[in-house]
């Protein structure tokens, strides 16, 4: 069962559409949706007792086995809600962590997810061990087995967090070495960024003929994939240049801060890029808000000043009256004019214009070296 609370913040998802997509991505089936409006969260139950009673009755009537909140819950709120509802209660943060845990494939990705999961779990120890309160005479009694178990568990988690961080530092150093090697080879680096499910991996595959996993679901890609892309430059006398193209994890509203911290090594690809290919789902009615969210995350990871080329994808899903009149135009991102290209990664429409625009930007940034004047076998 999906629950969302309108706290007066912009872009409240009144239909809980994105939370429903996240739940389905995690293998769940939404059976009911409830929204409430409050000036501020209730300290104990987040939604207040009356609304909590209503949610409990509807959950029982619909046969729900779990309740998912679209906002982050404090450990105390989560524990109180579970006692009140008699059902497992989780929030958007845990749901995203679960999806990441299911999808991570690389060693680095798994380490990053594990770190974020451990950091989240460390704040939930009181909930995990609340069943021991009965043995110790209540939460306020000191020195019982419940407290000892919590301390043991916290120490184990703290040790695991420390080990995982150390292993991630090594991975980060390896990535930095790879980036330096690319810089020594004078490789122009392009990173694909954008809101989750904007079609980044499909575009990546279409450009480099790779087979990166692509699906119509949230967070289909978690691990960065990098390939060489040859760009024919009409202004270079028929020559061109090879660039590196990286497909990165998608962004999402309210991405847990633990994940941003944990995925710093992966997202560093975007911060160190020479150009960001910012992919937008043109057919999504909420794409202006999604663009804002991507820009917010780019600021957080130190990539706000990297030049951007905005790609409005999925134009094949637009109605005739919304079809673009030109293949390329100018678009304003945070007060700065940047080039925009309209494409359909699925049908191939606009990909030629995108390649030409990329070649123009790369050529303007640095003329191709003499050694790469002739095109290698195509990609």
Foldseek 3Di string as FASTA:
>chain_A
DEEEECQPDPPGPPVCVVVQQLQVLLVHHDQDYYYYYDVFADPQQRRDDVVLVVVLVVCVVRVPQEYEYADQDQLRNQLNSCVSNVHHYYYPQVSVLSSQCVQDDDPLSNLLSLLLVLVVVLRNLCSVLVVCQVVQVHPPRPDDPSVVVNVVVNVVSVVVNVVSVVVNVVVLVVLVVVVVVCVVVVAAEEEEAFAFQLCQVLLVCLQAVDCQQDDNGGFNDAAKDKDWGWFQAPVLVRFTDIHIYIYHTYFDPPHDPSSLVSCLSRCVSLQPHQEYAYGFALLDPCRVVRLVRRLVSCVVSNNNPRHYEYEHEPLVNPPPVPRDPDQKDWDADPNDTHIYGYYYSVVGPSVVVVSNVVRVVVCVVDNHDPVRRHDDDHD
